[in-house]
Amino acid sequence: MTLTELISKLDERFTIINLSDDADQRQLSKVFCCDLLSFAMARNPADSVWVTVMGNVNTIGVMSLTDGAAVIIAENAAIDEIAAKKAVEQNIAVIKTALPVFETALTIHELIK
């Protein structure tokens, strides 16, 4: 499933903050959940959808380093203005939801599989 296909299946509980330019080609591999940035930097798989509550510029940096497909900021956590701007600059897909991390990950997992 591509990132564009996933986004087309998301309901009103999800808000697109930024969509990457390669969303049509980006094949999704799996869901990854983590709120410890150093751990995510070492283990976030390429082409994954990372679910976290960390909505800062460092999260965008980790996404860039790990080549993740999209980051979902769960639990209605804030994504700061600097991070949102950096996501546009770095071509990182960012989605936001009020859903808990587990429910978000389960929803995405079911849609991908």
PDB file of N, CA and C in Angstrom:
ATOM      1  N   MET A   1       0.851  -1.179   0.000  1.00  0.00           N
ATOM      2  CA  MET A   1       0.000   0.000   0.000  1.00  0.00           C
ATOM      3  C   MET A   1       0.890   1.234   0.000  1.00  0.00           C
ATOM      4  N   THR A   2       0.522   2.212  -0.802  1.00  0.00           N
ATOM      5  CA  THR A   2       1.267   3.466  -0.813  1.00  0.00           C
ATOM      6  C   THR A   2       0.750   4.396   0.278  1.00  0.00           C
ATOM      7  N   LEU A   3       1.537   5.406   0.553  1.00  0.00           N
ATOM      8  CA  LEU A   3       1.119   6.403   1.539  1.00  0.00           C
ATOM      9  C   LEU A   3      -0.152   7.106   1.075  1.00  0.00           C
ATOM     10  N   THR A   4      -0.249   7.409  -0.198  1.00  0.00           N
ATOM     11  CA  THR A   4      -1.460   8.044  -0.727  1.00  0.00           C
ATOM     12  C   THR A   4      -2.682   7.158  -0.522  1.00  0.00           C
ATOM     13  N   GLU A   5      -2.536   5.857  -0.764  1.00  0.00           N
ATOM     14  CA  GLU A   5      -3.648   4.924  -0.562  1.00  0.00           C
ATOM     15  C   GLU A   5      -4.062   4.879   0.903  1.00  0.00           C
ATOM     16  N   LEU A   6      -3.072   4.860   1.799  1.00  0.00           N
ATOM     17  CA  LEU A   6      -3.388   4.870   3.231  1.00  0.00           C
ATOM     18  C   LEU A   6      -4.162   6.130   3.592  1.00  0.00           C
ATOM     19  N   ILE A   7      -3.680   7.266   3.161  1.00  0.00           N
ATOM     20  CA  ILE A   7      -4.324   8.527   3.506  1.00  0.00           C
ATOM     21  C   ILE A   7      -5.759   8.567   2.986  1.00  0.00           C
ATOM     22  N   SER A   8      -5.997   7.995   1.833  1.00  0.00           N
ATOM     23  CA  SER A   8      -7.364   7.987   1.292  1.00  0.00           C
ATOM     24  C   SER A   8      -8.316   7.150   2.142  1.00  0.00           C
ATOM     25  N   LYS A   9      -7.778   6.242   2.951  1.00  0.00           N
ATOM     26  CA  LYS A   9      -8.609   5.388   3.799  1.00  0.00           C
ATOM     27  C   LYS A   9      -8.774   5.927   5.219  1.00  0.00           C
ATOM     28  N   LEU A  10      -8.050   6.981   5.558  1.00  0.00           N
ATOM     29  CA  LEU A  10      -8.157   7.553   6.897  1.00  0.00           C
ATOM     30  C   LEU A  10      -9.455   8.341   7.027  1.00  0.00           C
ATOM     31  N   ASP A  11     -10.039   8.281   8.214  1.00  0.00           N
ATOM     32  CA  ASP A  11     -11.293   9.001   8.440  1.00  0.00           C
ATOM     33  C   ASP A  11     -11.026  10.364   9.088  1.00  0.00           C
ATOM     34  N   GLU A  12     -12.091  10.999   9.537  1.00  0.00           N
ATOM     35  CA  GLU A  12     -12.012  12.356  10.077  1.00  0.00           C
ATOM     36  C   GLU A  12     -11.217  12.454  11.380  1.00  0.00           C
ATOM     37  N   ARG A  13     -10.844  11.330  11.958  1.00  0.00           N
ATOM     38  CA  ARG A  13     -10.034  11.367  13.181  1.00  0.00           C
ATOM     39  C   ARG A  13      -8.578  11.723  12.887  1.00  0.00           C
ATOM     40  N   PHE A  14      -8.209  11.739  11.620  1.00  0.00           N
ATOM     41  CA  PHE A  14      -6.837  12.012  11.207  1.00  0.00           C
ATOM     42  C   PHE A  14      -6.783  13.311  10.400  1.00  0.00           C
ATOM     43  N   THR A  15      -5.775  14.133  10.690  1.00  0.00           N
ATOM     44  CA  THR A  15      -5.568  15.394   9.987  1.00  0.00           C
ATOM     45  C   THR A  15      -4.187  15.376   9.349  1.00  0.00           C
ATOM     46  N   ILE A  16      -4.132  15.700   8.064  1.00  0.00           N
ATOM     47  CA  ILE A  16      -2.856  15.763   7.368  1.00  0.00           C
ATOM     48  C   ILE A  16      -2.226  17.127   7.656  1.00  0.00           C
ATOM     49  N   ILE A  17      -1.041  17.108   8.240  1.00  0.00           N
ATOM     50  CA  ILE A  17      -0.289  18.336   8.507  1.00  0.00           C
ATOM     51  C   ILE A  17       0.596  18.648   7.303  1.00  0.00           C
ATOM     52  N   ASN A  18       1.242  17.620   6.767  1.00  0.00           N
ATOM     53  CA  ASN A  18       2.071  17.769   5.569  1.00  0.00           C
ATOM     54  C   ASN A  18       2.073  16.443   4.821  1.00  0.00           C
ATOM     55  N   LEU A  19       1.986  16.518   3.517  1.00  0.00           N
ATOM     56  CA  LEU A  19       2.035  15.326   2.680  1.00  0.00           C
ATOM     57  C   LEU A  19       3.316  15.379   1.872  1.00  0.00           C
ATOM     58  N   SER A  20       4.090  14.316   1.906  1.00  0.00           N
ATOM     59  CA  SER A  20       5.353  14.284   1.168  1.00  0.00           C
ATOM     60  C   SER A  20       5.101  14.190  -0.330  1.00  0.00           C
ATOM     61  N   ASP A  21       6.062  14.679  -1.101  1.00  0.00           N
ATOM     62  CA  ASP A  21       5.948  14.685  -2.561  1.00  0.00           C
ATOM     63  C   ASP A  21       5.929  13.282  -3.161  1.00  0.00           C
ATOM     64  N   ASP A  22       6.490  12.322  -2.455  1.00  0.00           N
ATOM     65  CA  ASP A  22       6.591  10.957  -2.982  1.00  0.00           C
ATOM     66  C   ASP A  22       5.495  10.024  -2.451  1.00  0.00           C
ATOM     67  N   ALA A  23       4.420  10.588  -1.930  1.00  0.00           N
ATOM     68  CA  ALA A  23       3.363   9.783  -1.300  1.00  0.00           C
ATOM     69  C   ALA A  23       2.758   8.752  -2.249  1.00  0.00           C
ATOM     70  N   ASP A  24       2.704   9.061  -3.541  1.00  0.00           N
ATOM     71  CA  ASP A  24       2.146   8.122  -4.519  1.00  0.00           C
ATOM     72  C   ASP A  24       3.037   6.896  -4.735  1.00  0.00           C
ATOM     73  N   GLN A  25       4.326   7.061  -4.556  1.00  0.00           N
ATOM     74  CA  GLN A  25       5.266   5.966  -4.781  1.00  0.00           C
ATOM     75  C   GLN A  25       5.713   5.270  -3.495  1.00  0.00           C
ATOM     76  N   ARG A  26       5.545   5.922  -2.359  1.00  0.00           N
ATOM     77  CA  ARG A  26       6.085   5.410  -1.099  1.00  0.00           C
ATOM     78  C   ARG A  26       5.297   4.206  -0.624  1.00  0.00           C
ATOM     79  N   GLN A  27       5.902   3.019  -0.687  1.00  0.00           N
ATOM     80  CA  GLN A  27       5.286   1.783  -0.217  1.00  0.00           C
ATOM     81  C   GLN A  27       5.510   1.675   1.294  1.00  0.00           C
ATOM     82  N   LEU A  28       4.459   1.411   2.037  1.00  0.00           N
ATOM     83  CA  LEU A  28       4.532   1.331   3.491  1.00  0.00           C
ATOM     84  C   LEU A  28       4.934  -0.073   3.922  1.00  0.00           C
ATOM     85  N   SER A  29       5.831  -0.149   4.890  1.00  0.00           N
ATOM     86  CA  SER A  29       6.327  -1.446   5.343  1.00  0.00           C
ATOM     87  C   SER A  29       5.645  -1.936   6.615  1.00  0.00           C
ATOM     88  N   LYS A  30       5.539  -1.066   7.605  1.00  0.00           N
ATOM     89  CA  LYS A  30       4.979  -1.463   8.906  1.00  0.00           C
ATOM     90  C   LYS A  30       4.725  -0.251   9.758  1.00  0.00           C
ATOM     91  N   VAL A  31       4.170  -0.492  10.932  1.00  0.00           N
ATOM     92  CA  VAL A  31       3.938   0.555  11.922  1.00  0.00           C
ATOM     93  C   VAL A  31       5.012   0.423  12.996  1.00  0.00           C
ATOM     94  N   PHE A  32       5.516   1.544  13.451  1.00  0.00           N
ATOM     95  CA  PHE A  32       6.524   1.588  14.505  1.00  0.00           C
ATOM     96  C   PHE A  32       6.047   2.563  15.563  1.00  0.00           C
ATOM     97  N   CYS A  33       6.109   2.170  16.844  1.00  0.00           N
ATOM     98  CA  CYS A  33       5.683   3.028  17.946  1.00  0.00           C
ATOM     99  C   CYS A  33       6.847   3.246  18.902  1.00  0.00           C
ATOM    100  N   CYS A  34       7.116   4.503  19.207  1.00  0.00           N
ATOM    101  CA  CYS A  34       8.198   4.808  20.141  1.00  0.00           C
ATOM    102  C   CYS A  34       8.167   6.293  20.457  1.00  0.00           C
ATOM    103  N   ASP A  35       8.491   6.650  21.694  1.00  0.00           N
ATOM    104  CA  ASP A  35       8.575   8.054  22.085  1.00  0.00           C
ATOM    105  C   ASP A  35       9.977   8.444  22.539  1.00  0.00           C
ATOM    106  N   LEU A  36      10.915   7.531  22.464  1.00  0.00           N
ATOM    107  CA  LEU A  36      12.297   7.822  22.815  1.00  0.00           C
ATOM    108  C   LEU A  36      13.067   8.036  21.510  1.00  0.00           C
ATOM    109  N   LEU A  37      13.459   9.267  21.252  1.00  0.00           N
ATOM    110  CA  LEU A  37      14.018   9.614  19.950  1.00  0.00           C
ATOM    111  C   LEU A  37      15.285   8.836  19.602  1.00  0.00           C
ATOM    112  N   SER A  38      16.177   8.622  20.568  1.00  0.00           N
ATOM    113  CA  SER A  38      17.404   7.878  20.270  1.00  0.00           C
ATOM    114  C   SER A  38      17.091   6.427  19.902  1.00  0.00           C
ATOM    115  N   PHE A  39      16.104   5.845  20.540  1.00  0.00           N
ATOM    116  CA  PHE A  39      15.673   4.486  20.220  1.00  0.00           C
ATOM    117  C   PHE A  39      15.054   4.453  18.821  1.00  0.00           C
ATOM    118  N   ALA A  40      14.208   5.428  18.532  1.00  0.00           N
ATOM    119  CA  ALA A  40      13.582   5.505  17.210  1.00  0.00           C
ATOM    120  C   ALA A  40      14.631   5.716  16.125  1.00  0.00           C
ATOM    121  N   MET A  41      15.639   6.509  16.414  1.00  0.00           N
ATOM    122  CA  MET A  41      16.688   6.762  15.429  1.00  0.00           C
ATOM    123  C   MET A  41      17.420   5.470  15.075  1.00  0.00           C
ATOM    124  N   ALA A  42      17.561   4.591  16.031  1.00  0.00           N
ATOM    125  CA  ALA A  42      18.265   3.331  15.789  1.00  0.00           C
ATOM    126  C   ALA A  42      17.371   2.246  15.210  1.00  0.00           C
ATOM    127  N   ARG A  43      16.053   2.338  15.415  1.00  0.00           N
ATOM    128  CA  ARG A  43      15.192   1.199  15.075  1.00  0.00           C
ATOM    129  C   ARG A  43      14.000   1.477  14.167  1.00  0.00           C
ATOM    130  N   ASN A  44      13.711   2.713  13.872  1.00  0.00           N
ATOM    131  CA  ASN A  44      12.572   3.001  12.999  1.00  0.00           C
ATOM    132  C   ASN A  44      12.876   2.470  11.598  1.00  0.00           C
ATOM    133  N   PRO A  45      12.103   1.500  11.115  1.00  0.00           N
ATOM    134  CA  PRO A  45      12.394   0.931   9.794  1.00  0.00           C
ATOM    135  C   PRO A  45      12.090   1.916   8.659  1.00  0.00           C
ATOM    136  N   ALA A  46      12.857   1.814   7.600  1.00  0.00           N
ATOM    137  CA  ALA A  46      12.563   2.612   6.403  1.00  0.00           C
ATOM    138  C   ALA A  46      11.152   2.284   5.932  1.00  0.00           C
ATOM    139  N   ASP A  47      10.488   3.273   5.399  1.00  0.00           N
ATOM    140  CA  ASP A  47       9.138   3.141   4.838  1.00  0.00           C
ATOM    141  C   ASP A  47       8.070   2.811   5.876  1.00  0.00           C
ATOM    142  N   SER A  48       8.367   3.018   7.144  1.00  0.00           N
ATOM    143  CA  SER A  48       7.382   2.747   8.193  1.00  0.00           C
ATOM    144  C   SER A  48       6.519   3.963   8.468  1.00  0.00           C
ATOM    145  N   VAL A  49       5.428   3.715   9.179  1.00  0.00           N
ATOM    146  CA  VAL A  49       4.594   4.780   9.725  1.00  0.00           C
ATOM    147  C   VAL A  49       4.888   4.810  11.222  1.00  0.00           C
ATOM    148  N   TRP A  50       5.501   5.881  11.671  1.00  0.00           N
ATOM    149  CA  TRP A  50       5.933   6.010  13.059  1.00  0.00           C
ATOM    150  C   TRP A  50       4.848   6.744  13.845  1.00  0.00           C
ATOM    151  N   VAL A  51       4.366   6.113  14.907  1.00  0.00           N
ATOM    152  CA  VAL A  51       3.358   6.713  15.782  1.00  0.00           C
ATOM    153  C   VAL A  51       4.056   7.144  17.070  1.00  0.00           C
ATOM    154  N   THR A  52       3.909   8.417  17.414  1.00  0.00           N
ATOM    155  CA  THR A  52       4.568   8.980  18.580  1.00  0.00           C
ATOM    156  C   THR A  52       3.746  10.143  19.134  1.00  0.00           C
ATOM    157  N   VAL A  53       4.125  10.621  20.306  1.00  0.00           N
ATOM    158  CA  VAL A  53       3.522  11.837  20.858  1.00  0.00           C
ATOM    159  C   VAL A  53       4.511  13.001  20.800  1.00  0.00           C
ATOM    160  N   MET A  54       5.667  12.745  20.231  1.00  0.00           N
ATOM    161  CA  MET A  54       6.719  13.764  20.155  1.00  0.00           C
ATOM    162  C   MET A  54       6.522  14.603  18.898  1.00  0.00           C
ATOM    163  N   GLY A  55       6.037  15.814  19.070  1.00  0.00           N
ATOM    164  CA  GLY A  55       5.741  16.670  17.932  1.00  0.00           C
ATOM    165  C   GLY A  55       6.719  17.814  17.776  1.00  0.00           C
ATOM    166  N   ASN A  56       8.001  17.527  17.934  1.00  0.00           N
ATOM    167  CA  ASN A  56       8.982  18.605  17.822  1.00  0.00           C
ATOM    168  C   ASN A  56       9.915  18.392  16.629  1.00  0.00           C
ATOM    169  N   VAL A  57      10.792  19.331  16.426  1.00  0.00           N
ATOM    170  CA  VAL A  57      11.682  19.309  15.269  1.00  0.00           C
ATOM    171  C   VAL A  57      12.617  18.098  15.296  1.00  0.00           C
ATOM    172  N   ASN A  58      12.942  17.588  16.465  1.00  0.00           N
ATOM    173  CA  ASN A  58      13.811  16.416  16.546  1.00  0.00           C
ATOM    174  C   ASN A  58      13.135  15.184  15.959  1.00  0.00           C
ATOM    175  N   THR A  59      11.818  15.089  16.092  1.00  0.00           N
ATOM    176  CA  THR A  59      11.074  13.983  15.484  1.00  0.00           C
ATOM    177  C   THR A  59      11.211  14.037  13.967  1.00  0.00           C
ATOM    178  N   ILE A  60      11.131  15.222  13.406  1.00  0.00           N
ATOM    179  CA  ILE A  60      11.289  15.379  11.959  1.00  0.00           C
ATOM    180  C   ILE A  60      12.706  14.993  11.552  1.00  0.00           C
ATOM    181  N   GLY A  61      13.687  15.347  12.356  1.00  0.00           N
ATOM    182  CA  GLY A  61      15.073  14.968  12.087  1.00  0.00           C
ATOM    183  C   GLY A  61      15.257  13.465  12.078  1.00  0.00           C
ATOM    184  N   VAL A  62      14.662  12.774  13.043  1.00  0.00           N
ATOM    185  CA  VAL A  62      14.745  11.309  13.100  1.00  0.00           C
ATOM    186  C   VAL A  62      14.078  10.703  11.873  1.00  0.00           C
ATOM    187  N   MET A  63      12.938  11.236  11.469  1.00  0.00           N
ATOM    188  CA  MET A  63      12.267  10.731  10.262  1.00  0.00           C
ATOM    189  C   MET A  63      13.163  10.872   9.043  1.00  0.00           C
ATOM    190  N   SER A  64      13.845  11.977   8.944  1.00  0.00           N
ATOM    191  CA  SER A  64      14.741  12.207   7.814  1.00  0.00           C
ATOM    192  C   SER A  64      15.897  11.206   7.826  1.00  0.00           C
ATOM    193  N   LEU A  65      16.449  10.957   8.990  1.00  0.00           N
ATOM    194  CA  LEU A  65      17.580  10.018   9.111  1.00  0.00           C
ATOM    195  C   LEU A  65      17.186   8.570   8.857  1.00  0.00           C
ATOM    196  N   THR A  66      15.979   8.193   9.255  1.00  0.00           N
ATOM    197  CA  THR A  66      15.568   6.786   9.157  1.00  0.00           C
ATOM    198  C   THR A  66      14.791   6.479   7.886  1.00  0.00           C
ATOM    199  N   ASP A  67      14.467   7.483   7.113  1.00  0.00           N
ATOM    200  CA  ASP A  67      13.721   7.319   5.866  1.00  0.00           C
ATOM    201  C   ASP A  67      12.350   6.692   6.093  1.00  0.00           C
ATOM    202  N   GLY A  68      11.718   7.066   7.202  1.00  0.00           N
ATOM    203  CA  GLY A  68      10.344   6.624   7.442  1.00  0.00           C
ATOM    204  C   GLY A  68       9.404   7.260   6.436  1.00  0.00           C
ATOM    205  N   ALA A  69       8.262   6.626   6.223  1.00  0.00           N
ATOM    206  CA  ALA A  69       7.303   7.121   5.233  1.00  0.00           C
ATOM    207  C   ALA A  69       6.438   8.250   5.786  1.00  0.00           C
ATOM    208  N   ALA A  70       6.044   8.151   7.052  1.00  0.00           N
ATOM    209  CA  ALA A  70       5.179   9.163   7.657  1.00  0.00           C
ATOM    210  C   ALA A  70       5.279   9.063   9.168  1.00  0.00           C
ATOM    211  N   VAL A  71       5.045  10.172   9.817  1.00  0.00           N
ATOM    212  CA  VAL A  71       4.954  10.186  11.270  1.00  0.00           C
ATOM    213  C   VAL A  71       3.544  10.617  11.633  1.00  0.00           C
ATOM    214  N   ILE A  72       2.960   9.914  12.585  1.00  0.00           N
ATOM    215  CA  ILE A  72       1.642  10.284  13.102  1.00  0.00           C
ATOM    216  C   ILE A  72       1.814  10.731  14.545  1.00  0.00           C
ATOM    217  N   ILE A  73       1.404  11.960  14.808  1.00  0.00           N
ATOM    218  CA  ILE A  73       1.443  12.504  16.160  1.00  0.00           C
ATOM    219  C   ILE A  73       0.100  12.157  16.801  1.00  0.00           C
ATOM    220  N   ALA A  74       0.141  11.272  17.791  1.00  0.00           N
ATOM    221  CA  ALA A  74      -1.067  10.742  18.428  1.00  0.00           C
ATOM    222  C   ALA A  74      -1.380  11.487  19.724  1.00  0.00           C
ATOM    223  N   GLU A  75      -2.498  11.077  20.328  1.00  0.00           N
ATOM    224  CA  GLU A  75      -2.918  11.576  21.649  1.00  0.00           C
ATOM    225  C   GLU A  75      -3.198  13.076  21.647  1.00  0.00           C
ATOM    226  N   ASN A  76      -3.464  13.633  20.475  1.00  0.00           N
ATOM    227  CA  ASN A  76      -3.705  15.061  20.319  1.00  0.00           C
ATOM    228  C   ASN A  76      -2.531  15.900  20.809  1.00  0.00           C
ATOM    229  N   ALA A  77      -1.335  15.314  20.771  1.00  0.00           N
ATOM    230  CA  ALA A  77      -0.125  16.046  21.158  1.00  0.00           C
ATOM    231  C   ALA A  77       0.127  17.150  20.132  1.00  0.00           C
ATOM    232  N   ALA A  78       0.690  18.218  20.598  1.00  0.00           N
ATOM    233  CA  ALA A  78       0.947  19.359  19.723  1.00  0.00           C
ATOM    234  C   ALA A  78       2.147  19.094  18.826  1.00  0.00           C
ATOM    235  N   ILE A  79       2.057  19.575  17.605  1.00  0.00           N
ATOM    236  CA  ILE A  79       3.232  19.639  16.739  1.00  0.00           C
ATOM    237  C   ILE A  79       3.573  21.114  16.640  1.00  0.00           C
ATOM    238  N   ASP A  80       4.779  21.458  17.067  1.00  0.00           N
ATOM    239  CA  ASP A  80       5.103  22.878  17.109  1.00  0.00           C
ATOM    240  C   ASP A  80       5.342  23.430  15.704  1.00  0.00           C
ATOM    241  N   GLU A  81       5.284  24.744  15.607  1.00  0.00           N
ATOM    242  CA  GLU A  81       5.384  25.432  14.320  1.00  0.00           C
ATOM    243  C   GLU A  81       6.722  25.166  13.632  1.00  0.00           C
ATOM    244  N   ILE A  82       7.774  25.100  14.402  1.00  0.00           N
ATOM    245  CA  ILE A  82       9.105  24.830  13.828  1.00  0.00           C
ATOM    246  C   ILE A  82       9.135  23.442  13.210  1.00  0.00           C
ATOM    247  N   ALA A  83       8.561  22.463  13.896  1.00  0.00           N
ATOM    248  CA  ALA A  83       8.527  21.088  13.371  1.00  0.00           C
ATOM    249  C   ALA A  83       7.680  21.011  12.106  1.00  0.00           C
ATOM    250  N   ALA A  84       6.546  21.674  12.098  1.00  0.00           N
ATOM    251  CA  ALA A  84       5.677  21.665  10.912  1.00  0.00           C
ATOM    252  C   ALA A  84       6.396  22.287   9.719  1.00  0.00           C
ATOM    253  N   LYS A  85       7.093  23.364   9.948  1.00  0.00           N
ATOM    254  CA  LYS A  85       7.849  24.022   8.872  1.00  0.00           C
ATOM    255  C   LYS A  85       8.977  23.124   8.380  1.00  0.00           C
ATOM    256  N   LYS A  86       9.674  22.480   9.304  1.00  0.00           N
ATOM    257  CA  LYS A  86      10.783  21.592   8.937  1.00  0.00           C
ATOM    258  C   LYS A  86      10.271  20.380   8.169  1.00  0.00           C
ATOM    259  N   ALA A  87       9.076  19.892   8.493  1.00  0.00           N
ATOM    260  CA  ALA A  87       8.488  18.770   7.753  1.00  0.00           C
ATOM    261  C   ALA A  87       8.287  19.135   6.291  1.00  0.00           C
ATOM    262  N   VAL A  88       7.846  20.355   6.038  1.00  0.00           N
ATOM    263  CA  VAL A  88       7.677  20.820   4.661  1.00  0.00           C
ATOM    264  C   VAL A  88       9.040  20.885   3.975  1.00  0.00           C
ATOM    265  N   GLU A  89      10.023  21.487   4.646  1.00  0.00           N
ATOM    266  CA  GLU A  89      11.370  21.626   4.081  1.00  0.00           C
ATOM    267  C   GLU A  89      12.023  20.276   3.794  1.00  0.00           C
ATOM    268  N   GLN A  90      11.811  19.302   4.692  1.00  0.00           N
ATOM    269  CA  GLN A  90      12.451  17.990   4.579  1.00  0.00           C
ATOM    270  C   GLN A  90      11.600  16.976   3.808  1.00  0.00           C
ATOM    271  N   ASN A  91      10.414  17.394   3.363  1.00  0.00           N
ATOM    272  CA  ASN A  91       9.507  16.523   2.612  1.00  0.00           C
ATOM    273  C   ASN A  91       9.086  15.305   3.440  1.00  0.00           C
ATOM    274  N   ILE A  92       8.702  15.551   4.689  1.00  0.00           N
ATOM    275  CA  ILE A  92       8.289  14.500   5.623  1.00  0.00           C
ATOM    276  C   ILE A  92       6.769  14.565   5.787  1.00  0.00           C
ATOM    277  N   ALA A  93       6.103  13.436   5.586  1.00  0.00           N
ATOM    278  CA  ALA A  93       4.654  13.363   5.790  1.00  0.00           C
ATOM    279  C   ALA A  93       4.346  13.352   7.283  1.00  0.00           C
ATOM    280  N   VAL A  94       3.439  14.226   7.697  1.00  0.00           N
ATOM    281  CA  VAL A  94       3.048  14.325   9.100  1.00  0.00           C
ATOM    282  C   VAL A  94       1.522  14.302   9.176  1.00  0.00           C
ATOM    283  N   ILE A  95       1.020  13.440  10.046  1.00  0.00           N
ATOM    284  CA  ILE A  95      -0.414  13.289  10.272  1.00  0.00           C
ATOM    285  C   ILE A  95      -0.649  13.444  11.764  1.00  0.00           C
ATOM    286  N   LYS A  96      -1.794  13.968  12.132  1.00  0.00           N
ATOM    287  CA  LYS A  96      -2.118  14.156  13.553  1.00  0.00           C
ATOM    288  C   LYS A  96      -3.455  13.510  13.866  1.00  0.00           C
ATOM    289  N   THR A  97      -3.573  12.993  15.096  1.00  0.00           N
ATOM    290  CA  THR A  97      -4.823  12.395  15.551  1.00  0.00           C
ATOM    291  C   THR A  97      -4.955  12.544  17.064  1.00  0.00           C
ATOM    292  N   ALA A  98      -6.173  12.517  17.535  1.00  0.00           N
ATOM    293  CA  ALA A  98      -6.430  12.517  18.976  1.00  0.00           C
ATOM    294  C   ALA A  98      -6.448  11.100  19.540  1.00  0.00           C
ATOM    295  N   LEU A  99      -6.427  10.112  18.665  1.00  0.00           N
ATOM    296  CA  LEU A  99      -6.455   8.723  19.124  1.00  0.00           C
ATOM    297  C   LEU A  99      -5.237   8.387  19.970  1.00  0.00           C
ATOM    298  N   PRO A 100      -5.382   7.452  20.916  1.00  0.00           N
ATOM    299  CA  PRO A 100      -4.225   6.974  21.667  1.00  0.00           C
ATOM    300  C   PRO A 100      -3.223   6.281  20.737  1.00  0.00           C
ATOM    301  N   VAL A 101      -1.997   6.176  21.182  1.00  0.00           N
ATOM    302  CA  VAL A 101      -0.937   5.565  20.379  1.00  0.00           C
ATOM    303  C   VAL A 101      -1.324   4.154  19.937  1.00  0.00           C
ATOM    304  N   PHE A 102      -1.788   3.316  20.866  1.00  0.00           N
ATOM    305  CA  PHE A 102      -2.122   1.936  20.511  1.00  0.00           C
ATOM    306  C   PHE A 102      -3.221   1.876  19.466  1.00  0.00           C
ATOM    307  N   GLU A 103      -4.289   2.623  19.679  1.00  0.00           N
ATOM    308  CA  GLU A 103      -5.405   2.599  18.739  1.00  0.00           C
ATOM    309  C   GLU A 103      -4.981   3.134  17.368  1.00  0.00           C
ATOM    310  N   THR A 104      -4.134   4.158  17.370  1.00  0.00           N
ATOM    311  CA  THR A 104      -3.614   4.694  16.115  1.00  0.00           C
ATOM    312  C   THR A 104      -2.816   3.625  15.379  1.00  0.00           C
ATOM    313  N   ALA A 105      -1.892   2.991  16.089  1.00  0.00           N
ATOM    314  CA  ALA A 105      -1.048   1.966  15.469  1.00  0.00           C
ATOM    315  C   ALA A 105      -1.873   0.796  14.960  1.00  0.00           C
ATOM    316  N   LEU A 106      -2.843   0.374  15.730  1.00  0.00           N
ATOM    317  CA  LEU A 106      -3.698  -0.739  15.318  1.00  0.00           C
ATOM    318  C   LEU A 106      -4.495  -0.372  14.063  1.00  0.00           C
ATOM    319  N   THR A 107      -5.034   0.827  14.033  1.00  0.00           N
ATOM    320  CA  THR A 107      -5.795   1.285  12.868  1.00  0.00           C
ATOM    321  C   THR A 107      -4.913   1.278  11.621  1.00  0.00           C
ATOM    322  N   ILE A 108      -3.719   1.828  11.730  1.00  0.00           N
ATOM    323  CA  ILE A 108      -2.803   1.891  10.585  1.00  0.00           C
ATOM    324  C   ILE A 108      -2.358   0.491  10.182  1.00  0.00           C
ATOM    325  N   HIS A 109      -2.038  -0.331  11.155  1.00  0.00           N
ATOM    326  CA  HIS A 109      -1.630  -1.710  10.870  1.00  0.00           C
ATOM    327  C   HIS A 109      -2.713  -2.457  10.082  1.00  0.00           C
ATOM    328  N   GLU A 110      -3.945  -2.338  10.527  1.00  0.00           N
ATOM    329  CA  GLU A 110      -5.058  -3.026   9.839  1.00  0.00           C
ATOM    330  C   GLU A 110      -5.263  -2.500   8.420  1.00  0.00           C
ATOM    331  N   LEU A 111      -5.053  -1.215   8.227  1.00  0.00           N
ATOM    332  CA  LEU A 111      -5.199  -0.648   6.891  1.00  0.00           C
ATOM    333  C   LEU A 111      -4.062  -1.084   5.957  1.00  0.00           C
ATOM    334  N   ILE A 112      -2.861  -1.168   6.487  1.00  0.00           N
ATOM    335  CA  ILE A 112      -1.702  -1.566   5.669  1.00  0.00           C
ATOM    336  C   ILE A 112      -1.780  -3.033   5.280  1.00  0.00           C
ATOM    337  N   LYS A 113      -2.223  -3.888   6.200  1.00  0.00           N
ATOM    338  CA  LYS A 113      -2.254  -5.336   5.929  1.00  0.00           C
ATOM    339  C   LYS A 113      -3.513  -5.631   5.203  1.00  0.00           C
TER     340      LYS A 113
END
